[in-house]
ModelCIF file with pLDDT and N, C-alpha, C, O atoms, coordinates in Angstrom:
data_MODEL
#
_entry.id   MODEL 
#
_entity.id                         1 
_entity.type                       polymer 
_entity.pdbx_number_of_molecules   1 
#
_entity_poly.entity_id                      1 
_entity_poly.type                           'polypeptide(L)' 
_entity_poly.nstd_linkage                   no 
_entity_poly.nstd_monomer                   no 
_entity_poly.pdbx_seq_one_letter_code       LGRVVDPLGKPIDGKGPIAAEEWLPVEAPAAPVIERGSVDT 
_entity_poly.pdbx_seq_one_letter_code_can   LGRVVDPLGKPIDGKGPIAAEEWLPVEAPAAPVIERGSVDT 
_entity_poly.pdbx_strand_id                 A 
#
loop_
_entity_poly_seq.entity_id 
_entity_poly_seq.num 
_entity_poly_seq.mon_id 
_entity_poly_seq.hetero 
1 1  LEU n 
1 2  GLY n 
1 3  ARG n 
1 4  VAL n 
1 5  VAL n 
1 6  ASP n 
1 7  PRO n 
1 8  LEU n 
1 9  GLY n 
1 10 LYS n 
1 11 PRO n 
1 12 ILE n 
1 13 ASP n 
1 14 GLY n 
1 15 LYS n 
1 16 GLY n 
1 17 PRO n 
1 18 ILE n 
1 19 ALA n 
1 20 ALA n 
1 21 GLU n 
1 22 GLU n 
1 23 TRP n 
1 24 LEU n 
1 25 PRO n 
1 26 VAL n 
1 27 GLU n 
1 28 ALA n 
1 29 PRO n 
1 30 ALA n 
1 31 ALA n 
1 32 PRO n 
1 33 VAL n 
1 34 ILE n 
1 35 GLU n 
1 36 ARG n 
1 37 GLY n 
1 38 SER n 
1 39 VAL n 
1 40 ASP n 
1 41 THR n 
#
_struct_asym.id          A 
_struct_asym.entity_id   1 
#
loop_
_ma_qa_metric.id 
_ma_qa_metric.mode 
_ma_qa_metric.name 
_ma_qa_metric.software_group_id 
_ma_qa_metric.type 
1 global pLDDT . pLDDT 
2 local  pLDDT . pLDDT 
#
_ma_qa_metric_global.metric_id      1 
_ma_qa_metric_global.metric_value   94.17 
_ma_qa_metric_global.model_id       1 
_ma_qa_metric_global.ordinal_id     1 
#
loop_
_ma_qa_metric_local.label_asym_id 
_ma_qa_metric_local.label_comp_id 
_ma_qa_metric_local.label_seq_id 
_ma_qa_metric_local.metric_id 
_ma_qa_metric_local.metric_value 
_ma_qa_metric_local.model_id 
_ma_qa_metric_local.ordinal_id 
A LEU 1  2 96.00 1 1  
A GLY 2  2 96.00 1 2  
A ARG 3  2 96.00 1 3  
A VAL 4  2 97.00 1 4  
A VAL 5  2 97.00 1 5  
A ASP 6  2 95.00 1 6  
A PRO 7  2 96.00 1 7  
A LEU 8  2 93.00 1 8  
A GLY 9  2 94.00 1 9  
A LYS 10 2 94.00 1 10 
A PRO 11 2 96.00 1 11 
A ILE 12 2 95.00 1 12 
A ASP 13 2 93.00 1 13 
A GLY 14 2 91.00 1 14 
A LYS 15 2 92.00 1 15 
A GLY 16 2 92.00 1 16 
A PRO 17 2 93.00 1 17 
A ILE 18 2 93.00 1 18 
A ALA 19 2 93.00 1 19 
A ALA 20 2 93.00 1 20 
A GLU 21 2 94.00 1 21 
A GLU 22 2 94.00 1 22 
A TRP 23 2 95.00 1 23 
A LEU 24 2 95.00 1 24 
A PRO 25 2 95.00 1 25 
A VAL 26 2 95.00 1 26 
A GLU 27 2 93.00 1 27 
A ALA 28 2 94.00 1 28 
A PRO 29 2 94.00 1 29 
A ALA 30 2 95.00 1 30 
A ALA 31 2 95.00 1 31 
A PRO 32 2 95.00 1 32 
A VAL 33 2 94.00 1 33 
A ILE 34 2 95.00 1 34 
A GLU 35 2 95.00 1 35 
A ARG 36 2 95.00 1 36 
A GLY 37 2 94.00 1 37 
A SER 38 2 93.00 1 38 
A VAL 39 2 93.00 1 39 
A ASP 40 2 91.00 1 40 
A THR 41 2 92.00 1 41 
#
loop_
_atom_site.group_PDB 
_atom_site.id 
_atom_site.type_symbol 
_atom_site.label_atom_id 
_atom_site.label_alt_id 
_atom_site.label_comp_id 
_atom_site.label_asym_id 
_atom_site.label_entity_id 
_atom_site.label_seq_id 
_atom_site.pdbx_PDB_ins_code 
_atom_site.Cartn_x 
_atom_site.Cartn_y 
_atom_site.Cartn_z 
_atom_site.occupancy 
_atom_site.B_iso_or_equiv 
_atom_site.pdbx_formal_charge 
_atom_site.auth_seq_id 
_atom_site.auth_comp_id 
_atom_site.auth_asym_id 
_atom_site.auth_atom_id 
_atom_site.pdbx_PDB_model_num 
ATOM 1   N N  . LEU A 1 1  ? -2.907  -0.873  -9.538  1.00 96.00 ? 1  LEU A N  1 
ATOM 2   C CA . LEU A 1 1  ? -2.578  0.209   -10.471 1.00 96.00 ? 1  LEU A CA 1 
ATOM 3   C C  . LEU A 1 1  ? -3.753  0.498   -11.408 1.00 96.00 ? 1  LEU A C  1 
ATOM 4   O O  . LEU A 1 1  ? -4.340  -0.409  -11.997 1.00 96.00 ? 1  LEU A O  1 
ATOM 5   N N  . GLY A 1 2  ? -4.076  1.782   -11.526 1.00 96.00 ? 2  GLY A N  1 
ATOM 6   C CA . GLY A 1 2  ? -5.188  2.198   -12.380 1.00 96.00 ? 2  GLY A CA 1 
ATOM 7   C C  . GLY A 1 2  ? -6.542  2.130   -11.701 1.00 96.00 ? 2  GLY A C  1 
ATOM 8   O O  . GLY A 1 2  ? -7.567  2.410   -12.324 1.00 96.00 ? 2  GLY A O  1 
ATOM 9   N N  . ARG A 1 3  ? -6.555  1.752   -10.401 1.00 96.00 ? 3  ARG A N  1 
ATOM 10  C CA . ARG A 1 3  ? -7.830  1.551   -9.714  1.00 96.00 ? 3  ARG A CA 1 
ATOM 11  C C  . ARG A 1 3  ? -8.103  2.647   -8.686  1.00 96.00 ? 3  ARG A C  1 
ATOM 12  O O  . ARG A 1 3  ? -7.211  3.410   -8.316  1.00 96.00 ? 3  ARG A O  1 
ATOM 13  N N  . VAL A 1 4  ? -9.357  2.707   -8.232  1.00 97.00 ? 4  VAL A N  1 
ATOM 14  C CA . VAL A 1 4  ? -9.766  3.617   -7.158  1.00 97.00 ? 4  VAL A CA 1 
ATOM 15  C C  . VAL A 1 4  ? -10.341 2.745   -6.049  1.00 97.00 ? 4  VAL A C  1 
ATOM 16  O O  . VAL A 1 4  ? -11.292 1.996   -6.271  1.00 97.00 ? 4  VAL A O  1 
ATOM 17  N N  . VAL A 1 5  ? -9.754  2.845   -4.840  1.00 97.00 ? 5  VAL A N  1 
ATOM 18  C CA . VAL A 1 5  ? -10.191 1.990   -3.735  1.00 97.00 ? 5  VAL A CA 1 
ATOM 19  C C  . VAL A 1 5  ? -10.546 2.854   -2.523  1.00 97.00 ? 5  VAL A C  1 
ATOM 20  O O  . VAL A 1 5  ? -10.142 4.013   -2.429  1.00 97.00 ? 5  VAL A O  1 
ATOM 21  N N  . ASP A 1 6  ? -11.316 2.259   -1.592  1.00 95.00 ? 6  ASP A N  1 
ATOM 22  C CA . ASP A 1 6  ? -11.618 2.956   -0.343  1.00 95.00 ? 6  ASP A CA 1 
ATOM 23  C C  . ASP A 1 6  ? -10.525 2.627   0.678   1.00 95.00 ? 6  ASP A C  1 
ATOM 24  O O  . ASP A 1 6  ? -9.643  1.824   0.372   1.00 95.00 ? 6  ASP A O  1 
ATOM 25  N N  . PRO A 1 7  ? -10.548 3.211   1.872   1.00 96.00 ? 7  PRO A N  1 
ATOM 26  C CA . PRO A 1 7  ? -9.465  2.964   2.838   1.00 96.00 ? 7  PRO A CA 1 
ATOM 27  C C  . PRO A 1 7  ? -9.346  1.521   3.317   1.00 96.00 ? 7  PRO A C  1 
ATOM 28  O O  . PRO A 1 7  ? -8.348  1.169   3.946   1.00 96.00 ? 7  PRO A O  1 
ATOM 29  N N  . LEU A 1 8  ? -10.344 0.672   3.037   1.00 93.00 ? 8  LEU A N  1 
ATOM 30  C CA . LEU A 1 8  ? -10.243 -0.741  3.402   1.00 93.00 ? 8  LEU A CA 1 
ATOM 31  C C  . LEU A 1 8  ? -9.757  -1.593  2.233   1.00 93.00 ? 8  LEU A C  1 
ATOM 32  O O  . LEU A 1 8  ? -9.694  -2.818  2.329   1.00 93.00 ? 8  LEU A O  1 
ATOM 33  N N  . GLY A 1 9  ? -9.410  -0.924  1.119   1.00 94.00 ? 9  GLY A N  1 
ATOM 34  C CA . GLY A 1 9  ? -8.889  -1.642  -0.040  1.00 94.00 ? 9  GLY A CA 1 
ATOM 35  C C  . GLY A 1 9  ? -9.961  -2.211  -0.947  1.00 94.00 ? 9  GLY A C  1 
ATOM 36  O O  . GLY A 1 9  ? -9.660  -2.993  -1.849  1.00 94.00 ? 9  GLY A O  1 
ATOM 37  N N  . LYS A 1 10 ? -11.235 -1.818  -0.716  1.00 94.00 ? 10 LYS A N  1 
ATOM 38  C CA . LYS A 1 10 ? -12.320 -2.324  -1.572  1.00 94.00 ? 10 LYS A CA 1 
ATOM 39  C C  . LYS A 1 10 ? -12.467 -1.404  -2.781  1.00 94.00 ? 10 LYS A C  1 
ATOM 40  O O  . LYS A 1 10 ? -12.485 -0.183  -2.626  1.00 94.00 ? 10 LYS A O  1 
ATOM 41  N N  . PRO A 1 11 ? -12.573 -1.976  -3.989  1.00 96.00 ? 11 PRO A N  1 
ATOM 42  C CA . PRO A 1 11 ? -12.680 -1.121  -5.192  1.00 96.00 ? 11 PRO A CA 1 
ATOM 43  C C  . PRO A 1 11 ? -13.988 -0.340  -5.217  1.00 96.00 ? 11 PRO A C  1 
ATOM 44  O O  . PRO A 1 11 ? -15.044 -0.872  -4.873  1.00 96.00 ? 11 PRO A O  1 
ATOM 45  N N  . ILE A 1 12 ? -13.911 0.932   -5.629  1.00 95.00 ? 12 ILE A N  1 
ATOM 46  C CA . ILE A 1 12 ? -15.127 1.758   -5.730  1.00 95.00 ? 12 ILE A CA 1 
ATOM 47  C C  . ILE A 1 12 ? -15.234 2.362   -7.132  1.00 95.00 ? 12 ILE A C  1 
ATOM 48  O O  . ILE A 1 12 ? -15.908 3.371   -7.336  1.00 95.00 ? 12 ILE A O  1 
ATOM 49  N N  . ASP A 1 13 ? -14.555 1.722   -8.099  1.00 93.00 ? 13 ASP A N  1 
ATOM 50  C CA . ASP A 1 13 ? -14.588 2.239   -9.474  1.00 93.00 ? 13 ASP A CA 1 
ATOM 51  C C  . ASP A 1 13 ? -15.407 1.358   -10.409 1.00 93.00 ? 13 ASP A C  1 
ATOM 52  O O  . ASP A 1 13 ? -15.492 1.629   -11.607 1.00 93.00 ? 13 ASP A O  1 
ATOM 53  N N  . GLY A 1 14 ? -16.018 0.286   -9.856  1.00 91.00 ? 14 GLY A N  1 
ATOM 54  C CA . GLY A 1 14 ? -16.877 -0.571  -10.671 1.00 91.00 ? 14 GLY A CA 1 
ATOM 55  C C  . GLY A 1 14 ? -16.132 -1.421  -11.686 1.00 91.00 ? 14 GLY A C  1 
ATOM 56  O O  . GLY A 1 14 ? -16.721 -1.871  -12.668 1.00 91.00 ? 14 GLY A O  1 
ATOM 57  N N  . LYS A 1 15 ? -14.827 -1.647  -11.457 1.00 92.00 ? 15 LYS A N  1 
ATOM 58  C CA . LYS A 1 15 ? -14.041 -2.437  -12.425 1.00 92.00 ? 15 LYS A CA 1 
ATOM 59  C C  . LYS A 1 15 ? -13.731 -3.844  -11.920 1.00 92.00 ? 15 LYS A C  1 
ATOM 60  O O  . LYS A 1 15 ? -12.799 -4.490  -12.399 1.00 92.00 ? 15 LYS A O  1 
ATOM 61  N N  . GLY A 1 16 ? -14.510 -4.309  -10.959 1.00 92.00 ? 16 GLY A N  1 
ATOM 62  C CA . GLY A 1 16 ? -14.326 -5.680  -10.483 1.00 92.00 ? 16 GLY A CA 1 
ATOM 63  C C  . GLY A 1 16 ? -13.374 -5.782  -9.304  1.00 92.00 ? 16 GLY A C  1 
ATOM 64  O O  . GLY A 1 16 ? -12.791 -4.785  -8.877  1.00 92.00 ? 16 GLY A O  1 
ATOM 65  N N  . PRO A 1 17 ? -13.214 -7.021  -8.768  1.00 93.00 ? 17 PRO A N  1 
ATOM 66  C CA . PRO A 1 17 ? -12.392 -7.223  -7.563  1.00 93.00 ? 17 PRO A CA 1 
ATOM 67  C C  . PRO A 1 17 ? -10.899 -7.024  -7.829  1.00 93.00 ? 17 PRO A C  1 
ATOM 68  O O  . PRO A 1 17 ? -10.452 -7.015  -8.976  1.00 93.00 ? 17 PRO A O  1 
ATOM 69  N N  . ILE A 1 18 ? -10.139 -6.865  -6.741  1.00 93.00 ? 18 ILE A N  1 
ATOM 70  C CA . ILE A 1 18 ? -8.685  -6.679  -6.814  1.00 93.00 ? 18 ILE A CA 1 
ATOM 71  C C  . ILE A 1 18 ? -8.005  -7.930  -6.261  1.00 93.00 ? 18 ILE A C  1 
ATOM 72  O O  . ILE A 1 18 ? -8.343  -8.404  -5.177  1.00 93.00 ? 18 ILE A O  1 
ATOM 73  N N  . ALA A 1 19 ? -7.050  -8.455  -7.014  1.00 93.00 ? 19 ALA A N  1 
ATOM 74  C CA . ALA A 1 19 ? -6.297  -9.632  -6.570  1.00 93.00 ? 19 ALA A CA 1 
ATOM 75  C C  . ALA A 1 19 ? -5.151  -9.169  -5.674  1.00 93.00 ? 19 ALA A C  1 
ATOM 76  O O  . ALA A 1 19 ? -4.238  -8.478  -6.126  1.00 93.00 ? 19 ALA A O  1 
ATOM 77  N N  . ALA A 1 20 ? -5.208  -9.558  -4.394  1.00 93.00 ? 20 ALA A N  1 
ATOM 78  C CA . ALA A 1 20 ? -4.192  -9.106  -3.431  1.00 93.00 ? 20 ALA A CA 1 
ATOM 79  C C  . ALA A 1 20 ? -2.970  -10.009 -3.487  1.00 93.00 ? 20 ALA A C  1 
ATOM 80  O O  . ALA A 1 20 ? -3.097  -11.231 -3.421  1.00 93.00 ? 20 ALA A O  1 
ATOM 81  N N  . GLU A 1 21 ? -1.787  -9.416  -3.608  1.00 94.00 ? 21 GLU A N  1 
ATOM 82  C CA . GLU A 1 21 ? -0.537  -10.174 -3.513  1.00 94.00 ? 21 GLU A CA 1 
ATOM 83  C C  . GLU A 1 21 ? -0.128  -10.325 -2.052  1.00 94.00 ? 21 GLU A C  1 
ATOM 84  O O  . GLU A 1 21 ? 0.557   -11.278 -1.682  1.00 94.00 ? 21 GLU A O  1 
ATOM 85  N N  . GLU A 1 22 ? -0.554  -9.374  -1.234  1.00 94.00 ? 22 GLU A N  1 
ATOM 86  C CA . GLU A 1 22 ? -0.181  -9.378  0.185   1.00 94.00 ? 22 GLU A CA 1 
ATOM 87  C C  . GLU A 1 22 ? -1.174  -8.514  0.952   1.00 94.00 ? 22 GLU A C  1 
ATOM 88  O O  . GLU A 1 22 ? -1.683  -7.518  0.436   1.00 94.00 ? 22 GLU A O  1 
ATOM 89  N N  . TRP A 1 23 ? -1.443  -8.919  2.210   1.00 95.00 ? 23 TRP A N  1 
ATOM 90  C CA . TRP A 1 23 ? -2.268  -8.092  3.103   1.00 95.00 ? 23 TRP A CA 1 
ATOM 91  C C  . TRP A 1 23 ? -1.343  -7.469  4.136   1.00 95.00 ? 23 TRP A C  1 
ATOM 92  O O  . TRP A 1 23 ? -0.548  -8.165  4.768   1.00 95.00 ? 23 TRP A O  1 
ATOM 93  N N  . LEU A 1 24 ? -1.449  -6.162  4.305   1.00 95.00 ? 24 LEU A N  1 
ATOM 94  C CA . LEU A 1 24 ? -0.544  -5.457  5.205   1.00 95.00 ? 24 LEU A CA 1 
ATOM 95  C C  . LEU A 1 24 ? -1.325  -4.672  6.254   1.00 95.00 ? 24 LEU A C  1 
ATOM 96  O O  . LEU A 1 24 ? -2.360  -4.088  5.935   1.00 95.00 ? 24 LEU A O  1 
ATOM 97  N N  . PRO A 1 25 ? -0.844  -4.647  7.517   1.00 95.00 ? 25 PRO A N  1 
ATOM 98  C CA . PRO A 1 25 ? -1.536  -3.861  8.550   1.00 95.00 ? 25 PRO A CA 1 
ATOM 99  C C  . PRO A 1 25 ? -1.425  -2.369  8.259   1.00 95.00 ? 25 PRO A C  1 
ATOM 100 O O  . PRO A 1 25 ? -0.372  -1.900  7.827   1.00 95.00 ? 25 PRO A O  1 
ATOM 101 N N  . VAL A 1 26 ? -2.504  -1.617  8.493   1.00 95.00 ? 26 VAL A N  1 
ATOM 102 C CA . VAL A 1 26 ? -2.463  -0.182  8.185   1.00 95.00 ? 26 VAL A CA 1 
ATOM 103 C C  . VAL A 1 26 ? -1.519  0.562   9.118   1.00 95.00 ? 26 VAL A C  1 
ATOM 104 O O  . VAL A 1 26 ? -0.924  1.564   8.722   1.00 95.00 ? 26 VAL A O  1 
ATOM 105 N N  . GLU A 1 27 ? -1.374  0.088   10.351  1.00 93.00 ? 27 GLU A N  1 
ATOM 106 C CA . GLU A 1 27 ? -0.423  0.691   11.291  1.00 93.00 ? 27 GLU A CA 1 
ATOM 107 C C  . GLU A 1 27 ? 0.810   -0.201  11.354  1.00 93.00 ? 27 GLU A C  1 
ATOM 108 O O  . GLU A 1 27 ? 0.713   -1.375  11.711  1.00 93.00 ? 27 GLU A O  1 
ATOM 109 N N  . ALA A 1 28 ? 1.959   0.349   11.009  1.00 94.00 ? 28 ALA A N  1 
ATOM 110 C CA . ALA A 1 28 ? 3.209   -0.411  11.055  1.00 94.00 ? 28 ALA A CA 1 
ATOM 111 C C  . ALA A 1 28 ? 4.330   0.526   11.462  1.00 94.00 ? 28 ALA A C  1 
ATOM 112 O O  . ALA A 1 28 ? 4.275   1.715   11.147  1.00 94.00 ? 28 ALA A O  1 
ATOM 113 N N  . PRO A 1 29 ? 5.354   0.022   12.158  1.00 94.00 ? 29 PRO A N  1 
ATOM 114 C CA . PRO A 1 29 ? 6.459   0.904   12.551  1.00 94.00 ? 29 PRO A CA 1 
ATOM 115 C C  . PRO A 1 29 ? 7.240   1.384   11.336  1.00 94.00 ? 29 PRO A C  1 
ATOM 116 O O  . PRO A 1 29 ? 7.387   0.655   10.355  1.00 94.00 ? 29 PRO A O  1 
ATOM 117 N N  . ALA A 1 30 ? 7.742   2.617   11.407  1.00 95.00 ? 30 ALA A N  1 
ATOM 118 C CA . ALA A 1 30 ? 8.566   3.158   10.323  1.00 95.00 ? 30 ALA A CA 1 
ATOM 119 C C  . ALA A 1 30 ? 9.908   2.441   10.299  1.00 95.00 ? 30 ALA A C  1 
ATOM 120 O O  . ALA A 1 30 ? 10.350  1.897   11.312  1.00 95.00 ? 30 ALA A O  1 
ATOM 121 N N  . ALA A 1 31 ? 10.556  2.443   9.133   1.00 95.00 ? 31 ALA A N  1 
ATOM 122 C CA . ALA A 1 31 ? 11.865  1.810   8.997   1.00 95.00 ? 31 ALA A CA 1 
ATOM 123 C C  . ALA A 1 31 ? 12.859  2.475   9.947   1.00 95.00 ? 31 ALA A C  1 
ATOM 124 O O  . ALA A 1 31 ? 12.957  3.703   9.959   1.00 95.00 ? 31 ALA A O  1 
ATOM 125 N N  . PRO A 1 32 ? 13.607  1.694   10.751  1.00 95.00 ? 32 PRO A N  1 
ATOM 126 C CA . PRO A 1 32 ? 14.588  2.314   11.650  1.00 95.00 ? 32 PRO A CA 1 
ATOM 127 C C  . PRO A 1 32 ? 15.746  2.943   10.875  1.00 95.00 ? 32 PRO A C  1 
ATOM 128 O O  . PRO A 1 32 ? 15.959  2.642   9.700   1.00 95.00 ? 32 PRO A O  1 
ATOM 129 N N  . VAL A 1 33 ? 16.479  3.809   11.541  1.00 94.00 ? 33 VAL A N  1 
ATOM 130 C CA . VAL A 1 33 ? 17.554  4.569   10.889  1.00 94.00 ? 33 VAL A CA 1 
ATOM 131 C C  . VAL A 1 33 ? 18.567  3.643   10.224  1.00 94.00 ? 33 VAL A C  1 
ATOM 132 O O  . VAL A 1 33 ? 19.065  3.943   9.139   1.00 94.00 ? 33 VAL A O  1 
ATOM 133 N N  . ILE A 1 34 ? 18.871  2.527   10.864  1.00 95.00 ? 34 ILE A N  1 
ATOM 134 C CA . ILE A 1 34 ? 19.906  1.612   10.365  1.00 95.00 ? 34 ILE A CA 1 
ATOM 135 C C  . ILE A 1 34 ? 19.507  0.988   9.021   1.00 95.00 ? 34 ILE A C  1 
ATOM 136 O O  . ILE A 1 34 ? 20.366  0.538   8.262   1.00 95.00 ? 34 ILE A O  1 
ATOM 137 N N  . GLU A 1 35 ? 18.188  0.963   8.729   1.00 95.00 ? 35 GLU A N  1 
ATOM 138 C CA . GLU A 1 35 ? 17.721  0.350   7.475   1.00 95.00 ? 35 GLU A CA 1 
ATOM 139 C C  . GLU A 1 35 ? 17.560  1.375   6.359   1.00 95.00 ? 35 GLU A C  1 
ATOM 140 O O  . GLU A 1 35 ? 17.154  1.028   5.249   1.00 95.00 ? 35 GLU A O  1 
ATOM 141 N N  . ARG A 1 36 ? 17.877  2.640   6.648   1.00 95.00 ? 36 ARG A N  1 
ATOM 142 C CA . ARG A 1 36 ? 17.645  3.698   5.658   1.00 95.00 ? 36 ARG A CA 1 
ATOM 143 C C  . ARG A 1 36 ? 18.919  4.038   4.902   1.00 95.00 ? 36 ARG A C  1 
ATOM 144 O O  . ARG A 1 36 ? 20.025  3.948   5.435   1.00 95.00 ? 36 ARG A O  1 
ATOM 145 N N  . GLY A 1 37 ? 18.733  4.433   3.634   1.00 94.00 ? 37 GLY A N  1 
ATOM 146 C CA . GLY A 1 37 ? 19.840  4.935   2.833   1.00 94.00 ? 37 GLY A CA 1 
ATOM 147 C C  . GLY A 1 37 ? 19.756  6.447   2.736   1.00 94.00 ? 37 GLY A C  1 
ATOM 148 O O  . GLY A 1 37 ? 18.801  7.056   3.217   1.00 94.00 ? 37 GLY A O  1 
ATOM 149 N N  . SER A 1 38 ? 20.760  7.052   2.111   1.00 93.00 ? 38 SER A N  1 
ATOM 150 C CA . SER A 1 38 ? 20.753  8.516   1.987   1.00 93.00 ? 38 SER A CA 1 
ATOM 151 C C  . SER A 1 38 ? 19.842  8.946   0.842   1.00 93.00 ? 38 SER A C  1 
ATOM 152 O O  . SER A 1 38 ? 19.718  8.248   -0.165  1.00 93.00 ? 38 SER A O  1 
ATOM 153 N N  . VAL A 1 39 ? 19.209  10.102  1.008   1.00 93.00 ? 39 VAL A N  1 
ATOM 154 C CA . VAL A 1 39 ? 18.318  10.652  -0.021  1.00 93.00 ? 39 VAL A CA 1 
ATOM 155 C C  . VAL A 1 39 ? 19.187  11.426  -1.009  1.00 93.00 ? 39 VAL A C  1 
ATOM 156 O O  . VAL A 1 39 ? 19.551  12.574  -0.757  1.00 93.00 ? 39 VAL A O  1 
ATOM 157 N N  . ASP A 1 40 ? 19.518  10.788  -2.137  1.00 91.00 ? 40 ASP A N  1 
ATOM 158 C CA . ASP A 1 40 ? 20.458  11.410  -3.077  1.00 91.00 ? 40 ASP A CA 1 
ATOM 159 C C  . ASP A 1 40 ? 20.027  11.313  -4.539  1.00 91.00 ? 40 ASP A C  1 
ATOM 160 O O  . ASP A 1 40 ? 20.745  11.763  -5.432  1.00 91.00 ? 40 ASP A O  1 
ATOM 161 N N  . THR A 1 41 ? 18.855  10.726  -4.785  1.00 92.00 ? 41 THR A N  1 
ATOM 162 C CA . THR A 1 41 ? 18.361  10.610  -6.164  1.00 92.00 ? 41 THR A CA 1 
ATOM 163 C C  . THR A 1 41 ? 17.223  11.597  -6.369  1.00 92.00 ? 41 THR A C  1 
ATOM 164 O O  . THR A 1 41 ? 16.659  11.670  -7.461  1.00 92.00 ? 41 THR A O  1 
#
């Protein structure tokens, strides 16, 4: 939050390194229909 990163997650704003809580693959399957709720908010 508050940072500017490149598509590999490397900071390009000169504010130092980013502490990763989790590493996630850029390609992942979308949530299946059974896991979705209704859009009502």
